[in-house]
């Protein structure tokens, strides 16, 4: 029982030490990407994909809009508008 309490206390001390570590960001090494969106577009989610491509999901004019950004070339790769319909299809 005492060994278990000691181990728990030791783990607590280690976690407290880890909390004191702060993240230092070198702003000169950051790769900035400025992306403009319509003011009426609401960002729903974002995720990082393969080759550092960013997927942004918006609600825009009643439709779901997916924007794929290529961060290396700093350009929009695709804009996909998902509209309601009776079946799956492409227009």
PDB file of N, CA and C in Angstrom:
ATOM      1  N   UNK A   1       0.821  -1.176   0.000  1.00  0.00           N
ATOM      2  CA  UNK A   1       0.000   0.000   0.000  1.00  0.00           C
ATOM      3  C   UNK A   1       0.879   1.259   0.000  1.00  0.00           C
ATOM      4  N   UNK A   2       1.930   1.253   0.827  1.00  0.00           N
ATOM      5  CA  UNK A   2       2.808   2.420   0.908  1.00  0.00           C
ATOM      6  C   UNK A   2       3.570   2.627  -0.398  1.00  0.00           C
ATOM      7  N   UNK A   3       3.931   1.523  -1.049  1.00  0.00           N
ATOM      8  CA  UNK A   3       4.633   1.622  -2.326  1.00  0.00           C
ATOM      9  C   UNK A   3       3.718   2.254  -3.374  1.00  0.00           C
ATOM     10  N   UNK A   4       2.462   1.855  -3.368  1.00  0.00           N
ATOM     11  CA  UNK A   4       1.500   2.430  -4.306  1.00  0.00           C
ATOM     12  C   UNK A   4       1.301   3.916  -4.076  1.00  0.00           C
ATOM     13  N   UNK A   5       1.193   4.327  -2.815  1.00  0.00           N
ATOM     14  CA  UNK A   5       1.051   5.751  -2.490  1.00  0.00           C
ATOM     15  C   UNK A   5       2.292   6.528  -2.910  1.00  0.00           C
ATOM     16  N   UNK A   6       3.468   5.939  -2.687  1.00  0.00           N
ATOM     17  CA  UNK A   6       4.716   6.598  -3.069  1.00  0.00           C
ATOM     18  C   UNK A   6       4.770   6.799  -4.586  1.00  0.00           C
ATOM     19  N   UNK A   7       4.387   5.761  -5.344  1.00  0.00           N
ATOM     20  CA  UNK A   7       4.403   5.860  -6.804  1.00  0.00           C
ATOM     21  C   UNK A   7       3.431   6.929  -7.307  1.00  0.00           C
ATOM     22  N   UNK A   8       2.247   7.007  -6.698  1.00  0.00           N
ATOM     23  CA  UNK A   8       1.273   8.027  -7.093  1.00  0.00           C
ATOM     24  C   UNK A   8       1.821   9.420  -6.805  1.00  0.00           C
ATOM     25  N   UNK A   9       2.440   9.605  -5.645  1.00  0.00           N
ATOM     26  CA  UNK A   9       3.005  10.891  -5.263  1.00  0.00           C
ATOM     27  C   UNK A   9       4.154  11.255  -6.201  1.00  0.00           C
ATOM     28  N   UNK A  10       4.980  10.273  -6.554  1.00  0.00           N
ATOM     29  CA  UNK A  10       6.101  10.508  -7.460  1.00  0.00           C
ATOM     30  C   UNK A  10       5.596  10.925  -8.839  1.00  0.00           C
ATOM     31  N   UNK A  11       4.551  10.260  -9.335  1.00  0.00           N
ATOM     32  CA  UNK A  11       3.967  10.623 -10.627  1.00  0.00           C
ATOM     33  C   UNK A  11       3.362  12.019 -10.581  1.00  0.00           C
ATOM     34  N   UNK A  12       2.780  12.405  -9.451  1.00  0.00           N
ATOM     35  CA  UNK A  12       2.210  13.733  -9.294  1.00  0.00           C
ATOM     36  C   UNK A  12       3.302  14.799  -9.361  1.00  0.00           C
ATOM     37  N   UNK A  13       4.438  14.545  -8.725  1.00  0.00           N
ATOM     38  CA  UNK A  13       5.557  15.491  -8.771  1.00  0.00           C
ATOM     39  C   UNK A  13       6.067  15.653 -10.205  1.00  0.00           C
ATOM     40  N   UNK A  14       6.175  14.558 -10.942  1.00  0.00           N
ATOM     41  CA  UNK A  14       6.647  14.612 -12.321  1.00  0.00           C
ATOM     42  C   UNK A  14       5.682  15.409 -13.197  1.00  0.00           C
ATOM     43  N   UNK A  15       4.378  15.219 -12.983  1.00  0.00           N
ATOM     44  CA  UNK A  15       3.414  15.952 -13.804  1.00  0.00           C
ATOM     45  C   UNK A  15       3.436  17.440 -13.473  1.00  0.00           C
ATOM     46  N   UNK A  16       3.681  17.809 -12.231  1.00  0.00           N
ATOM     47  CA  UNK A  16       3.794  19.216 -11.861  1.00  0.00           C
ATOM     48  C   UNK A  16       5.015  19.854 -12.525  1.00  0.00           C
ATOM     49  N   UNK A  17       6.115  19.122 -12.608  1.00  0.00           N
ATOM     50  CA  UNK A  17       7.314  19.636 -13.266  1.00  0.00           C
ATOM     51  C   UNK A  17       7.058  19.846 -14.759  1.00  0.00           C
ATOM     52  N   UNK A  18       6.307  18.934 -15.384  1.00  0.00           N
ATOM     53  CA  UNK A  18       6.004  19.047 -16.810  1.00  0.00           C
ATOM     54  C   UNK A  18       5.092  20.235 -17.101  1.00  0.00           C
ATOM     55  N   UNK A  19       4.228  20.604 -16.165  1.00  0.00           N
ATOM     56  CA  UNK A  19       3.330  21.739 -16.355  1.00  0.00           C
ATOM     57  C   UNK A  19       4.112  23.048 -16.432  1.00  0.00           C
ATOM     58  N   UNK A  20       5.257  23.106 -15.785  1.00  0.00           N
ATOM     59  CA  UNK A  20       6.042  24.328 -15.753  1.00  0.00           C
ATOM     60  C   UNK A  20       6.812  24.567 -17.048  1.00  0.00           C
ATOM     61  N   UNK A  21       6.917  23.560 -17.909  1.00  0.00           N
ATOM     62  CA  UNK A  21       7.592  23.728 -19.199  1.00  0.00           C
ATOM     63  C   UNK A  21       6.721  24.582 -20.105  1.00  0.00           C
ATOM     64  N   UNK A  22       7.292  25.622 -20.681  1.00  0.00           N
ATOM     65  CA  UNK A  22       6.535  26.487 -21.580  1.00  0.00           C
ATOM     66  C   UNK A  22       7.024  26.291 -23.000  1.00  0.00           C
ATOM     67  N   UNK A  23       6.122  26.496 -23.928  1.00  0.00           N
ATOM     68  CA  UNK A  23       6.429  26.363 -25.341  1.00  0.00           C
ATOM     69  C   UNK A  23       6.967  27.690 -25.854  1.00  0.00           C
ATOM     70  N   UNK A  24       8.154  27.657 -26.442  1.00  0.00           N
ATOM     71  CA  UNK A  24       8.762  28.859 -27.003  1.00  0.00           C
ATOM     72  C   UNK A  24       8.707  28.746 -28.524  1.00  0.00           C
ATOM     73  N   UNK A  25       8.088  29.725 -29.168  1.00  0.00           N
ATOM     74  CA  UNK A  25       7.916  29.708 -30.617  1.00  0.00           C
ATOM     75  C   UNK A  25       8.819  30.765 -31.230  1.00  0.00           C
ATOM     76  N   UNK A  26       9.642  30.341 -32.168  1.00  0.00           N
ATOM     77  CA  UNK A  26      10.498  31.266 -32.899  1.00  0.00           C
ATOM     78  C   UNK A  26       9.687  31.823 -34.062  1.00  0.00           C
ATOM     79  N   UNK A  27       9.203  33.056 -33.921  1.00  0.00           N
ATOM     80  CA  UNK A  27       8.300  33.634 -34.917  1.00  0.00           C
ATOM     81  C   UNK A  27       8.976  33.851 -36.265  1.00  0.00           C
ATOM     82  N   UNK A  28      10.295  33.941 -36.294  1.00  0.00           N
ATOM     83  CA  UNK A  28      10.996  34.121 -37.564  1.00  0.00           C
ATOM     84  C   UNK A  28      10.921  32.860 -38.422  1.00  0.00           C
ATOM     85  N   UNK A  29      10.763  31.697 -37.792  1.00  0.00           N
ATOM     86  CA  UNK A  29      10.711  30.443 -38.539  1.00  0.00           C
ATOM     87  C   UNK A  29       9.298  30.053 -38.939  1.00  0.00           C
ATOM     88  N   UNK A  30       8.291  30.797 -38.470  1.00  0.00           N
ATOM     89  CA  UNK A  30       6.912  30.475 -38.823  1.00  0.00           C
ATOM     90  C   UNK A  30       6.652  30.772 -40.294  1.00  0.00           C
ATOM     91  N   UNK A  31       5.916  29.903 -40.911  1.00  0.00           N
ATOM     92  CA  UNK A  31       5.522  30.086 -42.301  1.00  0.00           C
ATOM     93  C   UNK A  31       4.096  30.637 -42.298  1.00  0.00           C
ATOM     94  N   UNK A  32       3.944  31.937 -42.541  1.00  0.00           N
ATOM     95  CA  UNK A  32       2.634  32.550 -42.473  1.00  0.00           C
ATOM     96  C   UNK A  32       1.860  32.332 -43.767  1.00  0.00           C
ATOM     97  N   UNK A  33       0.580  32.099 -43.599  1.00  0.00           N
ATOM     98  CA  UNK A  33      -0.329  31.929 -44.720  1.00  0.00           C
ATOM     99  C   UNK A  33      -1.567  32.767 -44.413  1.00  0.00           C
ATOM    100  N   UNK A  34      -1.793  33.818 -45.183  1.00  0.00           N
ATOM    101  CA  UNK A  34      -2.953  34.673 -44.981  1.00  0.00           C
ATOM    102  C   UNK A  34      -4.037  34.257 -45.965  1.00  0.00           C
ATOM    103  N   UNK A  35      -5.180  33.877 -45.434  1.00  0.00           N
ATOM    104  CA  UNK A  35      -6.297  33.391 -46.244  1.00  0.00           C
ATOM    105  C   UNK A  35      -7.506  34.273 -45.965  1.00  0.00           C
ATOM    106  N   UNK A  36      -8.129  34.767 -47.025  1.00  0.00           N
ATOM    107  CA  UNK A  36      -9.318  35.593 -46.883  1.00  0.00           C
ATOM    108  C   UNK A  36     -10.554  34.761 -47.180  1.00  0.00           C
ATOM    109  N   UNK A  37     -11.604  35.035 -46.422  1.00  0.00           N
ATOM    110  CA  UNK A  37     -12.872  34.344 -46.602  1.00  0.00           C
ATOM    111  C   UNK A  37     -13.989  35.375 -46.649  1.00  0.00           C
ATOM    112  N   UNK A  38     -15.118  35.036 -47.267  1.00  0.00           N
ATOM    113  CA  UNK A  38     -16.245  35.969 -47.262  1.00  0.00           C
ATOM    114  C   UNK A  38     -16.722  36.210 -45.821  1.00  0.00           C
ATOM    115  N   UNK A  39     -17.190  37.413 -45.551  1.00  0.00           N
ATOM    116  CA  UNK A  39     -17.616  37.744 -44.188  1.00  0.00           C
ATOM    117  C   UNK A  39     -18.828  36.922 -43.764  1.00  0.00           C
ATOM    118  N   UNK A  40     -19.625  36.453 -44.716  1.00  0.00           N
ATOM    119  CA  UNK A  40     -20.814  35.663 -44.376  1.00  0.00           C
ATOM    120  C   UNK A  40     -20.509  34.171 -44.231  1.00  0.00           C
ATOM    121  N   UNK A  41     -19.263  33.756 -44.469  1.00  0.00           N
ATOM    122  CA  UNK A  41     -18.893  32.346 -44.341  1.00  0.00           C
ATOM    123  C   UNK A  41     -18.544  32.044 -42.881  1.00  0.00           C
ATOM    124  N   UNK A  42     -19.091  30.944 -42.375  1.00  0.00           N
ATOM    125  CA  UNK A  42     -18.824  30.526 -41.002  1.00  0.00           C
ATOM    126  C   UNK A  42     -17.942  29.287 -41.025  1.00  0.00           C
ATOM    127  N   UNK A  43     -16.759  29.391 -40.420  1.00  0.00           N
ATOM    128  CA  UNK A  43     -15.843  28.253 -40.365  1.00  0.00           C
ATOM    129  C   UNK A  43     -16.391  27.213 -39.393  1.00  0.00           C
ATOM    130  N   UNK A  44     -16.564  25.990 -39.886  1.00  0.00           N
ATOM    131  CA  UNK A  44     -17.086  24.899 -39.066  1.00  0.00           C
ATOM    132  C   UNK A  44     -15.945  24.063 -38.491  1.00  0.00           C
ATOM    133  N   UNK A  45     -14.977  23.705 -39.348  1.00  0.00           N
ATOM    134  CA  UNK A  45     -13.854  22.888 -38.872  1.00  0.00           C
ATOM    135  C   UNK A  45     -12.658  23.065 -39.790  1.00  0.00           C
ATOM    136  N   UNK A  46     -11.518  22.649 -39.285  1.00  0.00           N
ATOM    137  CA  UNK A  46     -10.291  22.663 -40.083  1.00  0.00           C
ATOM    138  C   UNK A  46      -9.458  21.457 -39.687  1.00  0.00           C
ATOM    139  N   UNK A  47      -8.693  20.960 -40.650  1.00  0.00           N
ATOM    140  CA  UNK A  47      -7.810  19.834 -40.356  1.00  0.00           C
ATOM    141  C   UNK A  47      -6.615  19.872 -41.295  1.00  0.00           C
ATOM    142  N   UNK A  48      -5.539  19.261 -40.831  1.00  0.00           N
ATOM    143  CA  UNK A  48      -4.307  19.194 -41.602  1.00  0.00           C
ATOM    144  C   UNK A  48      -4.220  17.825 -42.247  1.00  0.00           C
ATOM    145  N   UNK A  49      -4.023  17.809 -43.568  1.00  0.00           N
ATOM    146  CA  UNK A  49      -3.975  16.551 -44.306  1.00  0.00           C
ATOM    147  C   UNK A  49      -2.574  16.230 -44.784  1.00  0.00           C
ATOM    148  N   UNK A  50      -2.502  15.395 -45.810  1.00  0.00           N
ATOM    149  CA  UNK A  50      -1.222  14.987 -46.366  1.00  0.00           C
ATOM    150  C   UNK A  50      -0.533  16.167 -47.022  1.00  0.00           C
ATOM    151  N   UNK A  51       0.778  16.135 -47.045  1.00  0.00           N
ATOM    152  CA  UNK A  51       1.609  17.159 -47.683  1.00  0.00           C
ATOM    153  C   UNK A  51       1.291  18.560 -47.162  1.00  0.00           C
ATOM    154  N   UNK A  52       0.916  18.659 -45.888  1.00  0.00           N
ATOM    155  CA  UNK A  52       0.589  19.938 -45.241  1.00  0.00           C
ATOM    156  C   UNK A  52      -0.526  20.692 -45.947  1.00  0.00           C
ATOM    157  N   UNK A  53      -1.492  19.972 -46.488  1.00  0.00           N
ATOM    158  CA  UNK A  53      -2.666  20.619 -47.053  1.00  0.00           C
ATOM    159  C   UNK A  53      -3.692  20.816 -45.935  1.00  0.00           C
ATOM    160  N   UNK A  54      -4.348  21.956 -45.968  1.00  0.00           N
ATOM    161  CA  UNK A  54      -5.323  22.291 -44.947  1.00  0.00           C
ATOM    162  C   UNK A  54      -6.717  22.166 -45.548  1.00  0.00           C
ATOM    163  N   UNK A  55      -7.601  21.461 -44.838  1.00  0.00           N
ATOM    164  CA  UNK A  55      -8.990  21.349 -45.246  1.00  0.00           C
ATOM    165  C   UNK A  55      -9.815  22.243 -44.335  1.00  0.00           C
ATOM    166  N   UNK A  56     -10.510  23.212 -44.922  1.00  0.00           N
ATOM    167  CA  UNK A  56     -11.401  24.105 -44.188  1.00  0.00           C
ATOM    168  C   UNK A  56     -12.829  23.788 -44.593  1.00  0.00           C
ATOM    169  N   UNK A  57     -13.713  23.642 -43.608  1.00  0.00           N
ATOM    170  CA  UNK A  57     -15.125  23.376 -43.894  1.00  0.00           C
ATOM    171  C   UNK A  57     -15.933  24.575 -43.430  1.00  0.00           C
ATOM    172  N   UNK A  58     -16.684  25.141 -44.352  1.00  0.00           N
ATOM    173  CA  UNK A  58     -17.477  26.336 -44.089  1.00  0.00           C
ATOM    174  C   UNK A  58     -18.958  26.061 -44.286  1.00  0.00           C
ATOM    175  N   UNK A  59     -19.774  26.881 -43.628  1.00  0.00           N
ATOM    176  CA  UNK A  59     -21.181  27.001 -43.944  1.00  0.00           C
ATOM    177  C   UNK A  59     -21.315  28.344 -44.646  1.00  0.00           C
ATOM    178  N   UNK A  60     -21.679  28.319 -45.935  1.00  0.00           N
ATOM    179  CA  UNK A  60     -21.711  29.527 -46.742  1.00  0.00           C
ATOM    180  C   UNK A  60     -22.945  29.511 -47.629  1.00  0.00           C
ATOM    181  N   UNK A  61     -23.799  30.499 -47.465  1.00  0.00           N
ATOM    182  CA  UNK A  61     -25.035  30.631 -48.234  1.00  0.00           C
ATOM    183  C   UNK A  61     -25.883  29.358 -48.185  1.00  0.00           C
ATOM    184  N   UNK A  62     -25.958  28.751 -47.023  1.00  0.00           N
ATOM    185  CA  UNK A  62     -26.776  27.560 -46.821  1.00  0.00           C
ATOM    186  C   UNK A  62     -26.159  26.267 -47.312  1.00  0.00           C
ATOM    187  N   UNK A  63     -24.951  26.312 -47.817  1.00  0.00           N
ATOM    188  CA  UNK A  63     -24.279  25.112 -48.327  1.00  0.00           C
ATOM    189  C   UNK A  63     -23.013  24.831 -47.526  1.00  0.00           C
ATOM    190  N   UNK A  64     -22.644  23.562 -47.494  1.00  0.00           N
ATOM    191  CA  UNK A  64     -21.340  23.193 -46.955  1.00  0.00           C
ATOM    192  C   UNK A  64     -20.314  23.405 -48.053  1.00  0.00           C
ATOM    193  N   UNK A  65     -19.244  24.124 -47.732  1.00  0.00           N
ATOM    194  CA  UNK A  65     -18.188  24.401 -48.696  1.00  0.00           C
ATOM    195  C   UNK A  65     -16.872  23.901 -48.111  1.00  0.00           C
ATOM    196  N   UNK A  66     -16.172  23.098 -48.888  1.00  0.00           N
ATOM    197  CA  UNK A  66     -14.860  22.584 -48.491  1.00  0.00           C
ATOM    198  C   UNK A  66     -13.794  23.308 -49.292  1.00  0.00           C
ATOM    199  N   UNK A  67     -12.803  23.841 -48.606  1.00  0.00           N
ATOM    200  CA  UNK A  67     -11.695  24.534 -49.258  1.00  0.00           C
ATOM    201  C   UNK A  67     -10.419  23.791 -48.898  1.00  0.00           C
ATOM    202  N   UNK A  68      -9.648  23.402 -49.908  1.00  0.00           N
ATOM    203  CA  UNK A  68      -8.374  22.714 -49.688  1.00  0.00           C
ATOM    204  C   UNK A  68      -7.261  23.681 -50.053  1.00  0.00           C
ATOM    205  N   UNK A  69      -6.400  23.974 -49.072  1.00  0.00           N
ATOM    206  CA  UNK A  69      -5.289  24.902 -49.269  1.00  0.00           C
ATOM    207  C   UNK A  69      -3.976  24.136 -49.325  1.00  0.00           C
ATOM    208  N   UNK A  70      -3.151  24.452 -50.309  1.00  0.00           N
ATOM    209  CA  UNK A  70      -1.802  23.899 -50.392  1.00  0.00           C
ATOM    210  C   UNK A  70      -0.871  24.898 -49.711  1.00  0.00           C
ATOM    211  N   UNK A  71      -0.311  24.525 -48.558  1.00  0.00           N
ATOM    212  CA  UNK A  71       0.505  25.462 -47.789  1.00  0.00           C
ATOM    213  C   UNK A  71       1.897  25.642 -48.376  1.00  0.00           C
ATOM    214  N   UNK A  72       2.377  24.673 -49.123  1.00  0.00           N
ATOM    215  CA  UNK A  72       3.707  24.815 -49.725  1.00  0.00           C
ATOM    216  C   UNK A  72       3.686  25.842 -50.852  1.00  0.00           C
ATOM    217  N   UNK A  73       2.667  25.754 -51.715  1.00  0.00           N
ATOM    218  CA  UNK A  73       2.553  26.679 -52.845  1.00  0.00           C
ATOM    219  C   UNK A  73       1.776  27.938 -52.474  1.00  0.00           C
ATOM    220  N   UNK A  74       1.165  27.929 -51.288  1.00  0.00           N
ATOM    221  CA  UNK A  74       0.342  29.042 -50.801  1.00  0.00           C
ATOM    222  C   UNK A  74      -0.751  29.401 -51.799  1.00  0.00           C
ATOM    223  N   UNK A  75      -1.556  28.382 -52.150  1.00  0.00           N
ATOM    224  CA  UNK A  75      -2.658  28.614 -53.074  1.00  0.00           C
ATOM    225  C   UNK A  75      -3.814  27.680 -52.754  1.00  0.00           C
ATOM    226  N   UNK A  76      -4.991  28.047 -53.274  1.00  0.00           N
ATOM    227  CA  UNK A  76      -6.176  27.217 -53.098  1.00  0.00           C
ATOM    228  C   UNK A  76      -6.107  26.074 -54.099  1.00  0.00           C
ATOM    229  N   UNK A  77      -6.197  24.855 -53.607  1.00  0.00           N
ATOM    230  CA  UNK A  77      -6.145  23.686 -54.484  1.00  0.00           C
ATOM    231  C   UNK A  77      -7.533  23.359 -55.026  1.00  0.00           C
ATOM    232  N   UNK A  78      -8.557  23.390 -54.163  1.00  0.00           N
ATOM    233  CA  UNK A  78      -9.922  23.066 -54.594  1.00  0.00           C
ATOM    234  C   UNK A  78     -10.933  23.782 -53.713  1.00  0.00           C
ATOM    235  N   UNK A  79     -12.071  24.097 -54.314  1.00  0.00           N
ATOM    236  CA  UNK A  79     -13.240  24.560 -53.573  1.00  0.00           C
ATOM    237  C   UNK A  79     -14.387  23.653 -53.973  1.00  0.00           C
ATOM    238  N   UNK A  80     -14.955  22.963 -53.017  1.00  0.00           N
ATOM    239  CA  UNK A  80     -16.019  21.997 -53.272  1.00  0.00           C
ATOM    240  C   UNK A  80     -17.271  22.480 -52.543  1.00  0.00           C
ATOM    241  N   UNK A  81     -18.351  22.680 -53.287  1.00  0.00           N
ATOM    242  CA  UNK A  81     -19.626  23.077 -52.695  1.00  0.00           C
ATOM    243  C   UNK A  81     -20.524  21.856 -52.642  1.00  0.00           C
ATOM    244  N   UNK A  82     -21.016  21.530 -51.455  1.00  0.00           N
ATOM    245  CA  UNK A  82     -21.885  20.377 -51.258  1.00  0.00           C
ATOM    246  C   UNK A  82     -23.311  20.903 -51.111  1.00  0.00           C
ATOM    247  N   UNK A  83     -24.170  20.565 -52.088  1.00  0.00           N
ATOM    248  CA  UNK A  83     -25.555  21.023 -52.083  1.00  0.00           C
ATOM    249  C   UNK A  83     -26.484  19.850 -51.796  1.00  0.00           C
ATOM    250  N   UNK A  84     -27.659  20.173 -51.292  1.00  0.00           N
ATOM    251  CA  UNK A  84     -28.669  19.153 -51.000  1.00  0.00           C
ATOM    252  C   UNK A  84     -29.255  18.641 -52.305  1.00  0.00           C
ATOM    253  N   UNK A  85     -29.553  17.353 -52.334  1.00  0.00           N
ATOM    254  CA  UNK A  85     -30.155  16.733 -53.508  1.00  0.00           C
ATOM    255  C   UNK A  85     -30.822  15.431 -53.116  1.00  0.00           C
ATOM    256  N   UNK A  86     -31.414  14.771 -54.086  1.00  0.00           N
ATOM    257  CA  UNK A  86     -32.094  13.493 -53.794  1.00  0.00           C
ATOM    258  C   UNK A  86     -31.156  12.306 -53.898  1.00  0.00           C
ATOM    259  N   UNK A  87     -30.022  12.491 -54.565  1.00  0.00           N
ATOM    260  CA  UNK A  87     -29.031  11.414 -54.686  1.00  0.00           C
ATOM    261  C   UNK A  87     -27.644  12.022 -54.861  1.00  0.00           C
ATOM    262  N   UNK A  88     -26.627  11.204 -54.753  1.00  0.00           N
ATOM    263  CA  UNK A  88     -25.262  11.678 -54.942  1.00  0.00           C
ATOM    264  C   UNK A  88     -25.000  11.888 -56.424  1.00  0.00           C
ATOM    265  N   UNK A  89     -24.276  12.941 -56.763  1.00  0.00           N
ATOM    266  CA  UNK A  89     -23.953  13.195 -58.159  1.00  0.00           C
ATOM    267  C   UNK A  89     -23.086  14.433 -58.301  1.00  0.00           C
ATOM    268  N   UNK A  90     -22.533  14.619 -59.500  1.00  0.00           N
ATOM    269  CA  UNK A  90     -21.698  15.776 -59.793  1.00  0.00           C
ATOM    270  C   UNK A  90     -22.377  16.642 -60.847  1.00  0.00           C
ATOM    271  N   UNK A  91     -22.232  17.938 -60.680  1.00  0.00           N
ATOM    272  CA  UNK A  91     -22.743  18.880 -61.684  1.00  0.00           C
ATOM    273  C   UNK A  91     -21.618  19.694 -62.229  1.00  0.00           C
TER     274      UNK A  91
END
